[in-house]
């Protein structure tokens, strides 16, 4: 059975809807705007990461180049992950704050391992 709770959030001045179904909770979150510098850094990160993956794949074609190409591709994937827009959200179960990608529809808390559905606004 699904139970719907509405709580008044004094920080935003609006209502926060929580849908409780077993251990899964849905929260409403306002998406924070990215600054120009943050957007420019993301573009640079995606560009460097994409070029690193491309060059690493080219180096992996040869056996000797694979020694450099494979680690280059791993580092490039990390650069692309860092360039994704993230926002810190608090887990509604245990209140631990953690970064969540702004396009994610849900996240699992690293501390309590509970699933939370995110409704971005």
Foldseek 3Di string as FASTA:
>chain_A
DKDKDWDQDPVVRHIWIWIDDPLEIETEDEDDDDDPVLVVLLVVLLVLLVVQLVVLVVLVVDVVSVVVSVVSNVVSVVSNVVSADWDWDADPVPGDTDTDGPVDQWDADPPPRTIYGYDYD
